[in-house]
Amino acid sequence: MHLLAFVARSRLQLVSKAVRSSSSSRQMSSEPRQDHLRIGSHDVHFVEAGQGSRGLILLPGALGTAWTDFKPQIEKLPTLLPQHKLIAWDPPGYGKSRPPEKRFSLDFFEQDAAAAHELMQKLGFDRYSIAGWSDGGITGMIQAANHPDRVEKLIIWGSNSYISDAETKIYEDIRDVSKWSARMREPMEKVYGVEYFPKLWSAWVDGLLRIHKECEGDICSRKLSKIKAPTLIVHGAKDPMIIPEHVPYLLNNIKNSDIHVFPEGKHNIHLRFADEFNNLLNGKDCAPSVGLRGSEGGIGYGGSSDRTKKPFSRPFNKSRLETSTTSTVVTSGVPGTGPPIVGKMASSSSSGGTGPSTADTSALMRQNNELRHRLQEEANNYRRRLDTYKQAQNNQAALVSRLQAKVIYRGCPTAL
């Protein structure tokens, strides 16, 4: 009898130990994993989070790394997007993807896009989605254009496809990192060192100024029409790094694109408003959904691929105007089909959740009209500047032709 009791206790202890071990193993497997893969001449560092089978790569901004730029996303998005596996990387020449050091050639964005695609392929993702911030958004647009059948969805914020004359001054103004706040400067100094960081940052500024000078400012504008993936453009209305004309330009030139505006957002909206941004990617709280869960409001991964439908958009429904005071949603259709639809998500004033009052709805409509007119004005300003630019190009071409004619005349003794 005592022997049977002993055997029973032993079995119970073994089962309990196995359960604890299994639980511990699951907990460990849910922790982000860091590794390197050889891509070109670099051992590229990346962070992998989540257990899903669908890929989502996070592309950081200038000199950024997986952890400096995406810590709130690495920690929280796997729970919100359980069907996805997040891949956040240090681009070649940044962070732990060194040596060799970064070289800001005219095609460094193209090189990063090729490396990011190769990384996802080597990790086993034949198709995947992209979320890119700032420079990462540029890389993402190029990646989506170069591999339209591989990129399923694209989310970009703080990004531009060209460099205007006005932006060259912005880049010069931020060249001196000693003028930055400690909060912005110190994370980069921890990654690159106090001495090397200013040199690398200055080289980045020089690289962009060279693109402006030698490529007429075009980074990837010529590629936008090749993007097939449903695209969500997220914009901070107070972003000091992105001049307003880029927003309507991207919206008008990327097919199947929508926009979500953070009225109080600046350049790092995914860090400043991390919870709301994460919910935006999840499609939980905001009207236009990236649809990464394949749920309502987006084409999703097993949904319809009918490109005549607006991706990310949902029918306007007053009952959806719930508990959010920091975001404005703008849904755009195909360029030329009418003005965008804008909605500010107002806070509910009643505990019963019966929907907004008439005053709230009126205020919403006023804000809708104001933002619509503002975006339309920006689009009109852009068209006027484009017309002026084209006229200047024509004048320059005519002048070159006249000068060439004079050179031919002087260089040919038999010419009349």
Protein backbone atom coordinates (compact mmCIF):
# COMPACT_ATOMS: atom_id res chain seq x y z
CA MET A 1 0.00 0.00 0.00
CA HIS A 2 2.82 2.35 0.91
CA LEU A 3 4.57 1.37 -2.31
CA LEU A 4 1.50 2.30 -4.40
CA ALA A 5 1.25 5.67 -2.65
CA PHE A 6 4.93 6.31 -3.28
CA VAL A 7 4.57 5.47 -6.99
CA ALA A 8 1.50 7.72 -7.26
CA ARG A 9 3.33 10.63 -5.62
CA SER A 10 6.32 10.12 -7.90
CA ARG A 11 4.16 10.15 -11.02
CA LEU A 12 2.37 13.28 -9.80
CA GLN A 13 5.69 15.03 -9.23
CA LEU A 14 6.89 14.04 -12.70
CA VAL A 15 3.69 15.32 -14.33
CA SER A 16 3.89 18.58 -12.36
CA LYS A 17 7.51 19.05 -13.38
CA ALA A 18 6.66 18.38 -17.03
CA VAL A 19 3.84 20.92 -16.94
CA ARG A 20 6.12 23.55 -15.38
CA SER A 21 8.80 22.79 -17.95
CA SER A 22 6.30 23.05 -20.82
CA SER A 23 4.96 26.33 -19.45
CA SER A 24 8.48 27.68 -19.04
CA SER A 25 9.35 26.58 -22.57
CA ARG A 26 6.30 28.35 -23.99
CA GLN A 27 7.18 31.48 -22.04
CA MET A 28 10.75 31.40 -23.31
CA SER A 29 9.59 30.84 -26.90
CA SER A 30 7.38 33.92 -26.67
CA GLU A 31 10.38 36.09 -25.83
CA PRO A 32 11.95 38.01 -28.74
CA ARG A 33 14.77 36.11 -30.42
CA GLN A 34 17.86 37.91 -31.76
CA ASP A 35 20.10 36.55 -34.48
CA HIS A 36 22.22 37.40 -37.52
CA LEU A 37 21.98 36.33 -41.16
CA ARG A 38 24.55 36.93 -43.86
CA ILE A 39 23.13 39.36 -46.43
CA GLY A 40 25.67 40.55 -48.99
CA SER A 41 28.77 41.78 -47.15
CA HIS A 42 26.96 42.25 -43.82
CA ASP A 43 25.94 39.98 -40.98
CA VAL A 44 22.50 41.52 -40.57
CA HIS A 45 21.11 41.63 -37.05
CA PHE A 46 17.39 41.11 -36.54
CA VAL A 47 14.87 40.60 -33.76
CA GLU A 48 12.11 38.03 -34.19
CA ALA A 49 8.95 38.26 -32.07
CA GLY A 50 5.69 36.35 -32.17
CA GLN A 51 4.71 32.82 -33.16
CA GLY A 52 2.56 33.46 -36.24
CA SER A 53 3.19 32.15 -39.73
CA ARG A 54 2.71 35.48 -41.53
CA GLY A 55 5.62 37.87 -41.83
CA LEU A 56 5.71 41.57 -40.92
CA ILE A 57 9.03 43.38 -41.22
CA LEU A 58 9.62 46.60 -39.28
CA LEU A 59 11.98 49.01 -41.07
CA PRO A 60 13.59 51.69 -38.83
CA GLY A 61 14.45 55.29 -39.62
CA ALA A 62 17.80 56.94 -40.30
CA LEU A 63 20.58 55.21 -38.31
CA GLY A 64 17.82 53.42 -36.40
CA THR A 65 17.85 49.86 -35.08
CA ALA A 66 15.24 47.31 -34.11
CA TRP A 67 15.33 48.27 -30.42
CA THR A 68 15.87 52.04 -30.68
CA ASP A 69 12.95 52.47 -33.08
CA PHE A 70 10.47 49.66 -32.38
CA LYS A 71 10.63 48.60 -28.73
CA PRO A 72 6.86 49.14 -28.06
CA GLN A 73 5.98 47.23 -31.22
CA ILE A 74 8.33 44.31 -30.52
CA GLU A 75 6.92 43.98 -27.00
CA LYS A 76 3.20 44.38 -27.70
CA LEU A 77 2.35 43.68 -31.34
CA PRO A 78 2.81 39.88 -31.08
CA THR A 79 -0.17 39.81 -28.70
CA LEU A 80 -2.27 42.02 -30.97
CA LEU A 81 -1.23 40.16 -34.13
CA PRO A 82 -0.98 36.51 -33.04
CA GLN A 83 -1.00 35.26 -36.64
CA HIS A 84 2.14 37.23 -37.43
CA LYS A 85 5.81 36.93 -36.74
CA LEU A 86 7.53 40.32 -36.45
CA ILE A 87 10.97 40.83 -37.91
CA ALA A 88 12.67 44.07 -36.83
CA TRP A 89 16.13 44.59 -38.26
CA ASP A 90 19.22 46.76 -38.07
CA PRO A 91 19.79 47.76 -41.72
CA PRO A 92 23.24 46.98 -43.14
CA GLY A 93 25.78 49.37 -41.63
CA TYR A 94 23.50 50.33 -38.72
CA GLY A 95 23.50 49.15 -35.11
CA LYS A 96 24.63 45.53 -34.76
CA SER A 97 24.72 45.01 -38.54
CA ARG A 98 28.32 46.29 -38.56
CA PRO A 99 31.00 46.07 -39.83
CA PRO A 100 31.31 47.24 -42.55
CA GLU A 101 30.09 50.75 -41.89
CA LYS A 102 27.28 52.41 -43.84
CA ARG A 103 28.08 54.13 -47.12
CA PHE A 104 25.42 56.61 -48.24
CA SER A 105 25.67 56.17 -52.00
CA LEU A 106 22.99 57.46 -54.35
CA ASP A 107 21.28 54.07 -54.28
CA PHE A 108 21.60 53.21 -50.58
CA PHE A 109 17.80 53.04 -50.21
CA GLU A 110 17.68 50.55 -53.09
CA GLN A 111 20.40 48.49 -51.44
CA ASP A 112 18.49 48.43 -48.15
CA ALA A 113 15.29 47.39 -49.92
CA ALA A 114 17.07 44.51 -51.64
CA ALA A 115 18.66 43.40 -48.36
CA ALA A 116 15.34 43.55 -46.48
CA HIS A 117 13.63 41.43 -49.13
CA GLU A 118 16.47 38.90 -49.10
CA LEU A 119 16.26 38.70 -45.30
CA MET A 120 12.54 37.89 -45.40
CA GLN A 121 13.08 35.29 -48.12
CA LYS A 122 15.86 33.60 -46.14
CA LEU A 123 13.62 33.56 -43.06
CA GLY A 124 11.05 31.63 -45.07
CA PHE A 125 8.50 34.36 -45.85
CA ASP A 126 7.59 34.10 -49.51
CA ARG A 127 5.07 36.93 -49.02
CA TYR A 128 5.02 39.44 -46.19
CA SER A 129 3.88 42.88 -45.06
CA ILE A 130 5.98 45.97 -44.34
CA ALA A 131 5.79 48.70 -41.69
CA GLY A 132 8.37 51.41 -42.34
CA TRP A 133 9.15 54.60 -40.45
CA SER A 134 10.88 57.62 -42.01
CA ASP A 135 13.82 56.23 -44.03
CA GLY A 136 12.31 52.80 -43.42
CA GLY A 137 9.15 53.97 -45.16
CA ILE A 138 11.23 54.94 -48.19
CA THR A 139 12.89 51.53 -48.13
CA GLY A 140 9.44 49.95 -47.80
CA MET A 141 8.02 51.82 -50.80
CA ILE A 142 10.96 50.73 -52.95
CA GLN A 143 10.65 47.17 -51.67
CA ALA A 144 6.92 47.09 -52.43
CA ALA A 145 7.52 48.52 -55.92
CA ASN A 146 10.37 46.14 -56.74
CA HIS A 147 8.51 43.08 -55.44
CA PRO A 148 4.81 43.85 -55.98
CA ASP A 149 3.79 40.19 -55.86
CA ARG A 150 5.68 39.54 -52.62
CA VAL A 151 4.53 42.47 -50.49
CA GLU A 152 0.99 42.02 -49.21
CA LYS A 153 0.46 45.23 -47.23
CA LEU A 154 2.44 48.40 -46.69
CA ILE A 155 2.29 50.83 -43.77
CA ILE A 156 4.49 53.95 -43.89
CA TRP A 157 4.80 57.06 -41.73
CA GLY A 158 7.12 60.04 -41.64
CA SER A 159 8.24 59.23 -45.18
CA ASN A 160 8.71 61.00 -48.50
CA SER A 161 9.47 59.92 -52.05
CA TYR A 162 11.47 63.01 -53.03
CA ILE A 163 13.50 65.81 -51.46
CA SER A 164 12.31 69.35 -52.05
CA ASP A 165 14.47 72.47 -51.94
CA ALA A 166 12.89 73.45 -48.63
CA GLU A 167 13.89 70.14 -47.05
CA THR A 168 17.57 70.64 -47.75
CA LYS A 169 17.51 73.42 -45.15
CA ILE A 170 15.78 71.10 -42.67
CA TYR A 171 18.57 68.54 -43.10
CA GLU A 172 21.26 71.18 -42.65
CA ASP A 173 19.51 72.47 -39.53
CA ILE A 174 19.59 69.03 -37.87
CA ARG A 175 23.15 68.16 -38.92
CA ASP A 176 24.70 69.32 -35.62
CA VAL A 177 23.66 66.63 -33.13
CA SER A 178 25.01 68.66 -30.21
CA LYS A 179 21.91 70.84 -30.61
CA TRP A 180 19.58 67.87 -30.18
CA SER A 181 17.83 67.17 -26.92
CA ALA A 182 19.46 64.53 -24.74
CA ARG A 183 16.35 62.35 -25.11
CA MET A 184 16.86 62.19 -28.89
CA ARG A 185 20.67 62.09 -28.94
CA GLU A 186 21.64 59.70 -26.14
CA PRO A 187 20.01 56.50 -27.52
CA MET A 188 22.02 56.90 -30.72
CA GLU A 189 25.20 57.65 -28.77
CA LYS A 190 24.72 54.37 -26.89
CA VAL A 191 24.55 52.51 -30.20
CA TYR A 192 27.32 54.26 -32.13
CA GLY A 193 29.43 56.01 -29.50
CA VAL A 194 29.73 59.70 -28.71
CA GLU A 195 32.46 60.28 -31.31
CA TYR A 196 31.21 58.17 -34.22
CA PHE A 197 27.53 59.08 -34.12
CA PRO A 198 27.99 62.74 -35.26
CA LYS A 199 30.18 61.57 -38.15
CA LEU A 200 27.69 58.95 -39.31
CA TRP A 201 24.77 61.37 -39.00
CA SER A 202 26.61 64.05 -40.98
CA ALA A 203 27.35 61.45 -43.67
CA TRP A 204 23.61 60.66 -43.82
CA VAL A 205 22.81 64.36 -44.31
CA ASP A 206 25.43 64.57 -47.07
CA GLY A 207 23.91 61.51 -48.73
CA LEU A 208 20.45 63.08 -48.91
CA LEU A 209 21.82 66.41 -50.14
CA ARG A 210 23.68 64.53 -52.87
CA ILE A 211 20.45 62.80 -53.94
CA HIS A 212 18.79 66.22 -54.09
CA LYS A 213 21.60 67.61 -56.23
CA GLU A 214 22.41 64.71 -58.54
CA CYS A 215 19.00 63.01 -58.84
CA GLU A 216 16.87 66.16 -58.92
CA GLY A 217 15.63 65.20 -55.47
CA ASP A 218 13.91 62.02 -56.64
CA ILE A 219 14.28 59.12 -54.21
CA CYS A 220 11.53 56.76 -55.36
CA SER A 221 8.71 58.86 -56.88
CA ARG A 222 9.10 57.11 -60.22
CA LYS A 223 8.40 53.77 -58.54
CA LEU A 224 5.17 54.63 -56.72
CA SER A 225 2.93 53.53 -59.59
CA LYS A 226 4.40 50.02 -59.34
CA ILE A 227 3.16 49.47 -55.79
CA LYS A 228 0.27 47.00 -55.75
CA ALA A 229 -0.03 46.41 -52.02
CA PRO A 230 -2.85 48.14 -50.12
CA THR A 231 -1.05 51.00 -48.40
CA LEU A 232 -1.76 52.91 -45.21
CA ILE A 233 -0.06 56.30 -44.92
CA VAL A 234 0.12 57.41 -41.28
CA HIS A 235 0.93 61.09 -40.73
CA GLY A 236 1.71 63.25 -37.73
CA ALA A 237 0.16 66.65 -38.43
CA LYS A 238 2.98 68.37 -36.48
CA ASP A 239 5.83 66.40 -38.05
CA PRO A 240 8.73 68.88 -38.45
CA MET A 241 10.65 66.54 -40.75
CA ILE A 242 8.00 66.05 -43.43
CA ILE A 243 6.64 69.09 -45.26
CA PRO A 244 2.86 68.86 -45.84
CA GLU A 245 2.99 68.45 -49.62
CA HIS A 246 4.28 64.88 -49.31
CA VAL A 247 1.02 63.60 -47.84
CA PRO A 248 -1.30 64.36 -50.79
CA TYR A 249 1.48 63.42 -53.20
CA LEU A 250 1.82 59.91 -51.78
CA LEU A 251 -1.94 59.57 -51.46
CA ASN A 252 -2.46 60.54 -55.10
CA ASN A 253 0.38 58.43 -56.51
CA ILE A 254 0.06 55.16 -54.60
CA LYS A 255 -2.95 53.19 -55.76
CA ASN A 256 -5.18 51.70 -53.07
CA SER A 257 -3.81 54.02 -50.39
CA ASP A 258 -5.52 55.42 -47.31
CA ILE A 259 -4.32 57.91 -44.72
CA HIS A 260 -4.59 58.13 -40.94
CA VAL A 261 -3.66 61.46 -39.34
CA PHE A 262 -2.54 62.00 -35.74
CA PRO A 263 -3.37 65.71 -35.16
CA GLU A 264 -0.92 65.98 -32.24
CA GLY A 265 1.62 63.60 -33.74
CA LYS A 266 5.13 64.60 -34.72
CA HIS A 267 7.74 62.42 -36.40
CA ASN A 268 7.81 59.50 -33.94
CA ILE A 269 4.08 58.85 -33.61
CA HIS A 270 4.60 55.09 -33.16
CA LEU A 271 6.60 55.84 -30.00
CA ARG A 272 4.68 58.84 -28.68
CA PHE A 273 1.27 57.21 -29.29
CA ALA A 274 2.46 53.61 -29.13
CA ASP A 275 -0.78 51.99 -27.92
CA GLU A 276 -2.97 53.77 -30.44
CA PHE A 277 -0.47 53.12 -33.23
CA ASN A 278 -0.33 49.41 -32.38
CA ASN A 279 -4.12 49.24 -32.32
CA LEU A 280 -4.15 50.95 -35.71
CA LEU A 281 -2.03 48.16 -37.16
CA ASN A 282 -4.29 45.66 -35.46
CA GLY A 283 -7.41 47.39 -36.78
CA LYS A 284 -8.89 47.38 -33.28
CA ASP A 285 -9.85 50.99 -32.59
CA CYS A 286 -9.54 52.96 -35.81
CA ALA A 287 -11.86 53.11 -38.79
CA PRO A 288 -9.31 52.30 -41.51
CA SER A 289 -7.81 48.93 -40.65
CA VAL A 290 -4.60 47.57 -41.98
CA GLY A 291 -6.45 44.30 -41.89
CA LEU A 292 -3.40 42.35 -40.80
CA ARG A 293 -5.75 40.07 -38.88
CA GLY A 294 -7.74 39.45 -42.06
CA SER A 295 -10.81 40.81 -40.28
CA GLU A 296 -13.35 43.40 -41.38
CA GLY A 297 -12.14 46.60 -42.92
CA GLY A 298 -9.40 45.26 -45.13
CA ILE A 299 -8.63 42.72 -47.80
CA GLY A 300 -6.67 40.71 -45.26
CA TYR A 301 -4.74 37.56 -45.96
CA GLY A 302 -7.48 35.21 -47.09
CA GLY A 303 -9.99 37.79 -48.12
CA SER A 304 -11.09 39.23 -51.42
CA SER A 305 -8.45 40.57 -53.77
CA ASP A 306 -10.89 42.80 -55.61
CA ARG A 307 -8.79 45.90 -56.30
CA THR A 308 -11.87 47.99 -57.10
CA LYS A 309 -12.66 48.10 -53.39
CA LYS A 310 -10.95 50.59 -51.14
CA PRO A 311 -8.50 48.73 -48.91
CA PHE A 312 -8.55 49.52 -45.20
CA SER A 313 -11.79 51.55 -45.46
CA ARG A 314 -15.07 50.82 -43.73
CA PRO A 315 -18.49 52.41 -44.30
CA PHE A 316 -18.94 55.55 -42.20
CA ASN A 317 -20.96 54.65 -39.12
CA LYS A 318 -21.69 57.13 -36.34
CA SER A 319 -21.76 54.36 -33.75
CA ARG A 320 -18.07 53.73 -34.47
CA LEU A 321 -17.11 57.15 -33.13
CA GLU A 322 -15.80 55.95 -29.79
CA THR A 323 -13.24 56.86 -27.11
CA SER A 324 -10.36 58.32 -29.05
CA THR A 325 -9.28 61.92 -28.92
CA THR A 326 -5.89 61.81 -30.58
CA SER A 327 -6.57 60.54 -34.08
CA THR A 328 -8.08 61.78 -37.29
CA VAL A 329 -8.88 59.39 -40.09
CA VAL A 330 -8.80 60.30 -43.75
CA THR A 331 -9.87 57.72 -46.30
CA SER A 332 -8.92 58.36 -49.89
CA GLY A 333 -10.28 56.69 -52.96
CA VAL A 334 -8.56 56.37 -56.28
CA PRO A 335 -7.08 59.74 -57.37
CA GLY A 336 -9.54 61.79 -59.33
CA THR A 337 -12.68 60.19 -57.95
CA GLY A 338 -13.50 62.90 -55.45
CA PRO A 339 -12.31 64.45 -52.22
CA PRO A 340 -11.20 62.30 -49.30
CA ILE A 341 -13.55 61.38 -46.49
CA VAL A 342 -12.28 62.56 -43.14
CA GLY A 343 -13.45 61.62 -39.68
CA LYS A 344 -12.22 62.60 -36.23
CA MET A 345 -12.96 59.98 -33.64
CA ALA A 346 -14.69 61.86 -30.82
CA SER A 347 -14.91 60.83 -27.18
CA SER A 348 -18.22 59.43 -25.99
CA SER A 349 -19.81 61.73 -23.42
CA SER A 350 -22.32 59.21 -22.08
CA SER A 351 -21.58 56.14 -20.02
CA GLY A 352 -24.16 54.13 -21.94
CA GLY A 353 -22.23 54.38 -25.22
CA THR A 354 -25.28 55.64 -27.11
CA GLY A 355 -23.16 57.49 -29.66
CA PRO A 356 -22.13 61.12 -30.12
CA SER A 357 -24.44 64.05 -29.56
CA THR A 358 -25.64 66.38 -32.31
CA ALA A 359 -23.02 68.90 -31.20
CA ASP A 360 -20.29 66.24 -31.48
CA THR A 361 -21.48 65.32 -34.96
CA SER A 362 -21.55 68.97 -36.04
CA ALA A 363 -18.04 69.50 -34.72
CA LEU A 364 -16.92 66.36 -36.53
CA MET A 365 -18.38 67.60 -39.80
CA ARG A 366 -16.66 70.98 -39.38
CA GLN A 367 -13.33 69.29 -38.76
CA ASN A 368 -14.02 67.00 -41.67
CA ASN A 369 -14.52 69.96 -44.01
CA GLU A 370 -11.53 71.87 -42.62
CA LEU A 371 -9.14 68.98 -43.07
CA ARG A 372 -10.59 68.16 -46.48
CA HIS A 373 -10.03 71.74 -47.65
CA ARG A 374 -6.54 71.75 -46.16
CA LEU A 375 -5.54 68.58 -47.99
CA GLN A 376 -7.12 69.83 -51.20
CA GLU A 377 -5.22 73.10 -50.86
CA GLU A 378 -1.97 71.20 -50.38
CA ALA A 379 -2.73 69.12 -53.47
CA ASN A 380 -3.47 72.27 -55.48
CA ASN A 381 -0.27 73.90 -54.25
CA TYR A 382 1.67 70.83 -55.27
CA ARG A 383 0.13 70.86 -58.75
CA ARG A 384 1.01 74.54 -59.16
CA ARG A 385 4.59 73.88 -58.09
CA LEU A 386 4.76 70.91 -60.46
CA ASP A 387 3.50 73.05 -63.35
CA THR A 388 6.10 75.70 -62.51
CA TYR A 389 8.80 73.03 -62.35
CA LYS A 390 7.77 71.56 -65.72
CA GLN A 391 7.74 75.02 -67.29
CA ALA A 392 11.22 75.67 -65.91
CA GLN A 393 12.38 72.35 -67.37
CA ASN A 394 10.95 73.28 -70.78
CA ASN A 395 12.65 76.68 -70.64
CA GLN A 396 15.92 75.03 -69.67
CA ALA A 397 15.62 72.51 -72.52
CA ALA A 398 14.97 75.32 -75.00
CA LEU A 399 17.99 77.23 -73.70
CA VAL A 400 20.21 74.15 -73.99
CA SER A 401 19.03 73.63 -77.58
CA ARG A 402 19.90 77.21 -78.47
CA LEU A 403 23.33 76.93 -76.85
CA GLN A 404 24.00 73.66 -78.66
CA ALA A 405 23.06 75.28 -81.96
CA LYS A 406 25.55 78.07 -81.31
CA VAL A 407 28.28 75.58 -80.46
CA ILE A 408 27.61 73.61 -83.65
CA TYR A 409 27.72 76.81 -85.70
CA ARG A 410 31.04 77.90 -84.17
CA GLY A 411 32.52 74.43 -84.50
CA CYS A 412 31.60 73.84 -88.14
CA PRO A 413 33.47 76.10 -90.65
CA THR A 414 31.25 75.07 -93.56
CA ALA A 415 27.99 75.92 -91.77
CA LEU A 416 26.14 78.91 -93.14
